[in-house]
Amino acid sequence: MTNDTTSDRWAPIRTAGRLSAHLRTHLTVLLIVVVAELIGTITFPLGPGQVVLLPLLYAVVLGLGVSYSVLGSVIEPLRSVVDEDVSRIASPLLVIALMPLGVKYGTLVAPSFYDLVAAGPAFVLQEFGNLGTILIALPLALLLGLKRESIGAAVSIAREPTLGVITDKYGIESPEGRGVLGTYMTGTVLGTVFFGLLGGFAPATGLHPLALSMACGMGSASMMTACSTSLAAAAGGAGVAEEQILSFAATSNLLTGITGLYMVILVGLPVITRLYAVLAPVLGRGTAATDGGE
């Protein structure tokens, strides 16, 4: 039996009758890559740390800039080149483009196998960082005026596993569903840029580069790549090999996709729903603890 959902997902990249759209898509991507690589890596000091601007960062910004729709506003002159067909093709192609990246990081894991085994408990315990996200993000979301949307928005960094959990439990049209979708979309648009900058500045904290590289693995391949690559460039003089930083980040990213799902289900959601009941009447703008229901 054919899975209709899967068929619909990959339908945009079929080439039958769509060669023109595919050509425009690949030429646009090629042009963005060439420009980003010509700019190259830019590093400059900022306080006790340094900011590392990578070609990946420029590519994201340029991709947003040439999109026919930027933050919901249609840019009419771009419709003739980068139209809706190009965007529909680019979305599933991004998944395919990340596959070789996953293979590359897989080849980096084996040489660091014994180091990874020694750090095993740390990889698992780092998932409790989700609780830190809740404790910081939930009060802030309530102060900004969100109601039950704050549960979905603040339960984690909100990548695909969390999106699936919240959608299954509450429904995508629910306040919680709108919250997690908002965080997911924000991460998609700004996450790579933010983590690319954060990775370059992270060594200024004084934490060990391998601990920072594990923090780069938050469940998103693009964000992890931007973070770990910037970190490797910024921490070059700390006595840790670039390959080791990348392998720790890749392993952390893989485990986050697995253990992070259970952390959200078993710990994150129960904690945030109870914390919401306590904080909403205090911090919320006229929010009752029971509004919206579950």
Protein backbone atom coordinates (compact mmCIF):
# COMPACT_ATOMS: atom_id res chain seq x y z
CA MET A 1 0.00 0.00 0.00
CA THR A 2 1.34 3.45 -0.90
CA ASN A 3 1.86 5.91 1.90
CA ASP A 4 0.07 9.05 0.68
CA THR A 5 1.88 11.27 3.16
CA THR A 6 5.27 10.09 1.94
CA SER A 7 4.21 10.44 -1.72
CA ASP A 8 3.01 14.00 -1.16
CA ARG A 9 6.24 14.89 0.61
CA TRP A 10 8.45 13.92 -2.32
CA ALA A 11 6.05 14.94 -5.10
CA PRO A 12 7.64 18.41 -5.60
CA ILE A 13 11.00 16.94 -6.71
CA ARG A 14 9.58 14.88 -9.57
CA THR A 15 11.08 16.09 -12.82
CA ALA A 16 8.23 15.24 -15.21
CA GLY A 17 7.05 18.55 -16.64
CA ARG A 18 9.07 20.48 -14.06
CA LEU A 19 12.52 20.70 -15.64
CA SER A 20 12.40 24.51 -15.81
CA ALA A 21 11.65 24.82 -12.09
CA HIS A 22 14.42 22.33 -11.26
CA LEU A 23 16.90 24.23 -13.42
CA ARG A 24 16.07 27.53 -11.72
CA THR A 25 16.32 25.88 -8.30
CA HIS A 26 19.76 24.35 -8.86
CA LEU A 27 21.17 27.45 -10.58
CA THR A 28 19.95 29.64 -7.73
CA VAL A 29 21.55 27.32 -5.14
CA LEU A 30 24.79 27.17 -7.15
CA LEU A 31 24.96 30.96 -7.34
CA ILE A 32 24.37 31.28 -3.58
CA VAL A 33 27.10 28.71 -2.85
CA VAL A 34 29.62 30.43 -5.14
CA VAL A 35 28.99 33.84 -3.58
CA ALA A 36 29.15 32.44 -0.03
CA GLU A 37 32.43 30.61 -0.71
CA LEU A 38 33.95 33.69 -2.35
CA ILE A 39 33.23 35.69 0.82
CA GLY A 40 34.92 32.95 2.86
CA THR A 41 35.32 32.68 6.63
CA ILE A 42 35.46 35.94 8.56
CA THR A 43 36.66 36.00 12.17
CA PHE A 44 36.73 38.99 14.47
CA PRO A 45 37.13 39.43 18.25
CA LEU A 46 34.15 40.30 20.43
CA GLY A 47 34.86 40.81 24.11
CA PRO A 48 36.67 37.79 25.55
CA GLY A 49 35.69 35.59 22.60
CA GLN A 50 35.50 35.75 18.85
CA VAL A 51 32.76 35.59 16.27
CA VAL A 52 33.25 33.21 13.35
CA LEU A 53 31.16 33.91 10.25
CA LEU A 54 31.11 30.89 7.96
CA PRO A 55 29.98 30.50 4.33
CA LEU A 56 27.03 28.46 5.63
CA LEU A 57 25.81 31.56 7.46
CA TYR A 58 26.00 33.70 4.32
CA ALA A 59 24.20 31.01 2.34
CA VAL A 60 21.28 31.05 4.78
CA VAL A 61 21.05 34.84 4.68
CA LEU A 62 21.35 34.96 0.89
CA GLY A 63 18.73 32.22 0.58
CA LEU A 64 16.33 34.26 2.67
CA GLY A 65 17.17 37.37 0.69
CA VAL A 66 16.37 35.92 -2.73
CA SER A 67 13.24 34.11 -1.59
CA TYR A 68 10.07 35.35 -3.23
CA SER A 69 8.57 35.48 0.25
CA VAL A 70 10.61 36.88 3.12
CA LEU A 71 8.94 36.70 6.53
CA GLY A 72 5.53 36.61 4.85
CA SER A 73 6.09 39.55 2.47
CA VAL A 74 6.05 38.70 -1.24
CA ILE A 75 8.85 40.30 -3.26
CA GLU A 76 7.32 40.61 -6.72
CA PRO A 77 10.55 41.11 -8.80
CA LEU A 78 11.85 37.73 -7.60
CA ARG A 79 8.79 35.79 -8.70
CA SER A 80 10.17 35.36 -12.23
CA VAL A 81 13.23 33.49 -10.94
CA VAL A 82 12.61 32.23 -7.41
CA ASP A 83 8.91 31.50 -7.36
CA GLU A 84 6.76 29.18 -5.28
CA ASP A 85 7.80 26.15 -7.38
CA VAL A 86 11.44 26.73 -6.49
CA SER A 87 10.60 26.87 -2.78
CA ARG A 88 8.53 23.68 -2.99
CA ILE A 89 11.40 21.88 -4.72
CA ALA A 90 14.07 23.21 -2.36
CA SER A 91 12.38 21.99 0.83
CA PRO A 92 12.55 18.20 0.22
CA LEU A 93 15.88 18.57 -1.60
CA LEU A 94 17.35 19.97 1.61
CA VAL A 95 16.72 16.60 3.29
CA ILE A 96 18.54 14.81 0.46
CA ALA A 97 21.42 17.32 0.52
CA LEU A 98 21.98 16.68 4.23
CA MET A 99 22.39 12.92 3.72
CA PRO A 100 26.03 13.12 2.51
CA LEU A 101 26.71 15.39 5.48
CA GLY A 102 25.40 12.68 7.80
CA VAL A 103 27.67 10.13 6.13
CA LYS A 104 30.65 12.44 6.52
CA TYR A 105 30.03 12.86 10.24
CA GLY A 106 29.55 9.13 10.55
CA THR A 107 33.10 8.62 9.29
CA LEU A 108 34.36 10.97 12.02
CA VAL A 109 32.75 8.98 14.83
CA ALA A 110 34.78 5.76 14.44
CA PRO A 111 38.27 7.30 15.04
CA SER A 112 36.94 8.82 18.30
CA PHE A 113 35.11 5.65 19.37
CA TYR A 114 36.87 5.14 22.71
CA ASP A 115 36.59 8.82 23.63
CA LEU A 116 32.87 8.70 22.84
CA VAL A 117 32.37 5.57 24.98
CA ALA A 118 34.19 7.24 27.88
CA ALA A 119 31.89 10.24 27.59
CA GLY A 120 28.78 8.05 27.24
CA PRO A 121 26.97 9.07 30.47
CA ALA A 122 27.54 12.74 29.66
CA PHE A 123 25.81 12.31 26.30
CA VAL A 124 22.71 10.95 28.03
CA LEU A 125 22.71 13.37 30.98
CA GLN A 126 22.96 16.38 28.68
CA GLU A 127 19.34 15.77 27.70
CA PHE A 128 18.36 17.20 31.08
CA GLY A 129 19.32 20.50 29.50
CA ASN A 130 15.75 20.47 28.19
CA LEU A 131 14.63 21.28 31.71
CA GLY A 132 16.85 24.35 31.68
CA THR A 133 15.14 25.43 28.47
CA ILE A 134 11.76 25.11 30.17
CA LEU A 135 12.78 27.03 33.28
CA ILE A 136 14.07 29.96 31.19
CA ALA A 137 11.69 29.98 28.23
CA LEU A 138 8.33 29.34 29.91
CA PRO A 139 8.39 32.39 32.24
CA LEU A 140 9.59 34.56 29.36
CA ALA A 141 6.82 33.27 27.07
CA LEU A 142 4.19 34.01 29.72
CA LEU A 143 5.57 37.51 30.26
CA LEU A 144 5.33 38.10 26.50
CA GLY A 145 1.64 37.27 26.62
CA LEU A 146 1.53 33.68 25.36
CA LYS A 147 -0.98 31.38 27.03
CA ARG A 148 -1.07 27.63 26.41
CA GLU A 149 1.02 28.29 23.30
CA SER A 150 3.92 28.64 25.72
CA ILE A 151 3.73 24.89 26.53
CA GLY A 152 4.51 23.89 22.96
CA ALA A 153 6.90 26.77 22.37
CA ALA A 154 9.04 26.24 25.48
CA VAL A 155 9.06 22.46 26.01
CA SER A 156 12.30 22.05 24.01
CA ILE A 157 14.20 23.43 21.05
CA ALA A 158 11.27 22.12 18.98
CA ARG A 159 12.72 20.17 16.10
CA GLU A 160 10.92 17.35 14.27
CA PRO A 161 10.56 14.86 17.20
CA THR A 162 9.03 17.50 19.47
CA LEU A 163 6.79 18.75 16.68
CA GLY A 164 5.52 15.20 16.24
CA VAL A 165 4.93 14.65 19.98
CA ILE A 166 2.99 17.89 20.47
CA THR A 167 0.98 17.36 17.28
CA ASP A 168 0.05 13.85 18.37
CA LYS A 169 -0.94 14.87 21.91
CA TYR A 170 -2.68 18.19 21.32
CA GLY A 171 -3.18 18.57 17.55
CA ILE A 172 -1.45 21.09 15.30
CA GLU A 173 -4.43 23.50 15.45
CA SER A 174 -4.35 23.62 19.27
CA PRO A 175 -2.65 26.46 21.18
CA GLU A 176 0.18 24.04 22.08
CA GLY A 177 0.47 23.06 18.41
CA ARG A 178 0.71 26.69 17.31
CA GLY A 179 3.37 27.26 19.97
CA VAL A 180 5.62 24.39 18.91
CA LEU A 181 5.16 25.27 15.23
CA GLY A 182 6.15 28.87 15.93
CA THR A 183 9.37 27.79 17.67
CA TYR A 184 10.04 25.26 14.90
CA MET A 185 9.69 27.89 12.17
CA THR A 186 11.78 30.40 14.10
CA GLY A 187 14.51 27.79 14.44
CA THR A 188 14.31 27.00 10.74
CA VAL A 189 14.72 30.66 9.75
CA LEU A 190 17.12 31.92 12.44
CA GLY A 191 18.53 28.80 14.12
CA THR A 192 21.48 28.22 11.79
CA VAL A 193 22.48 31.89 11.96
CA PHE A 194 22.20 31.96 15.77
CA PHE A 195 24.10 28.72 16.41
CA GLY A 196 26.78 29.66 13.91
CA LEU A 197 27.48 32.82 15.90
CA LEU A 198 27.09 31.04 19.24
CA GLY A 199 29.61 28.34 18.32
CA GLY A 200 32.27 30.90 17.54
CA PHE A 201 31.76 32.78 20.79
CA ALA A 202 31.26 29.72 23.05
CA PRO A 203 34.98 29.18 23.95
CA ALA A 204 34.87 32.49 25.82
CA THR A 205 32.81 30.72 28.51
CA GLY A 206 35.91 28.76 29.56
CA LEU A 207 34.12 25.41 29.20
CA HIS A 208 35.98 22.50 27.62
CA PRO A 209 35.64 22.45 23.81
CA LEU A 210 34.32 18.86 23.90
CA ALA A 211 31.56 19.86 26.32
CA LEU A 212 30.67 22.73 24.00
CA SER A 213 30.73 20.42 20.97
CA MET A 214 28.22 18.12 22.69
CA ALA A 215 25.99 21.14 23.23
CA CYS A 216 26.06 21.77 19.47
CA GLY A 217 24.13 18.53 18.89
CA MET A 218 20.58 19.72 19.52
CA GLY A 219 18.77 17.55 16.98
CA SER A 220 19.17 19.67 13.85
CA ALA A 221 21.84 18.75 11.29
CA SER A 222 22.14 22.26 9.85
CA MET A 223 22.31 23.96 13.27
CA MET A 224 24.78 21.37 14.56
CA THR A 225 27.00 21.86 11.51
CA ALA A 226 27.02 25.65 11.84
CA CYS A 227 27.71 25.47 15.58
CA SER A 228 30.41 22.77 15.55
CA THR A 229 32.26 24.20 12.54
CA SER A 230 32.38 27.66 14.11
CA LEU A 231 33.43 26.12 17.43
CA ALA A 232 36.21 24.11 15.78
CA ALA A 233 37.54 27.26 14.12
CA ALA A 234 37.35 29.34 17.31
CA ALA A 235 38.81 26.65 19.62
CA GLY A 236 41.70 25.78 17.34
CA GLY A 237 44.32 26.67 19.94
CA ALA A 238 42.75 24.70 22.80
CA GLY A 239 44.59 21.45 22.07
CA VAL A 240 41.51 19.64 20.73
CA ALA A 241 41.48 18.35 17.16
CA GLU A 242 38.82 19.68 14.82
CA GLU A 243 37.79 16.12 13.91
CA GLN A 244 37.19 15.32 17.58
CA ILE A 245 34.94 18.36 18.05
CA LEU A 246 32.94 17.45 14.95
CA SER A 247 32.61 13.80 15.97
CA PHE A 248 31.37 14.68 19.46
CA ALA A 249 28.85 17.10 17.99
CA ALA A 250 27.64 14.56 15.43
CA THR A 251 27.22 11.83 18.06
CA SER A 252 25.42 14.22 20.39
CA ASN A 253 23.10 15.23 17.56
CA LEU A 254 22.26 11.60 16.81
CA LEU A 255 21.57 10.73 20.44
CA THR A 256 19.50 13.87 20.89
CA GLY A 257 17.21 12.69 18.12
CA ILE A 258 16.70 9.41 20.01
CA THR A 259 16.88 10.17 23.73
CA GLY A 260 15.48 13.68 23.31
CA LEU A 261 12.16 12.23 22.15
CA TYR A 262 11.74 10.23 25.35
CA MET A 263 12.96 13.15 27.45
CA VAL A 264 10.19 15.33 26.03
CA ILE A 265 7.51 12.65 26.53
CA LEU A 266 8.53 11.38 29.98
CA VAL A 267 10.01 14.49 31.58
CA GLY A 268 9.59 17.66 29.54
CA LEU A 269 5.81 17.66 29.02
CA PRO A 270 4.86 16.63 32.59
CA VAL A 271 7.22 19.27 34.02
CA ILE A 272 6.10 22.11 31.77
CA THR A 273 2.35 21.44 32.18
CA ARG A 274 2.66 21.50 35.97
CA LEU A 275 4.95 24.52 35.90
CA TYR A 276 2.49 26.28 33.61
CA ALA A 277 -0.32 25.70 36.11
CA VAL A 278 1.80 27.37 38.79
CA LEU A 279 3.27 30.26 36.80
CA ALA A 280 0.40 31.20 34.47
CA PRO A 281 -1.76 32.87 37.15
CA VAL A 282 1.29 34.79 38.40
CA LEU A 283 3.11 35.79 35.19
CA GLY A 284 0.40 35.44 32.54
CA ARG A 285 -1.61 38.39 31.28
CA GLY A 286 -5.04 37.39 32.51
CA THR A 287 -4.21 33.71 31.93
CA ALA A 288 -6.01 31.09 33.94
CA ALA A 289 -4.19 27.85 34.64
CA THR A 290 -6.98 25.88 33.04
CA ASP A 291 -7.50 27.91 29.84
CA GLY A 292 -7.66 25.92 26.66
CA GLY A 293 -7.70 22.54 28.37
CA GLU A 294 -5.60 19.60 27.29
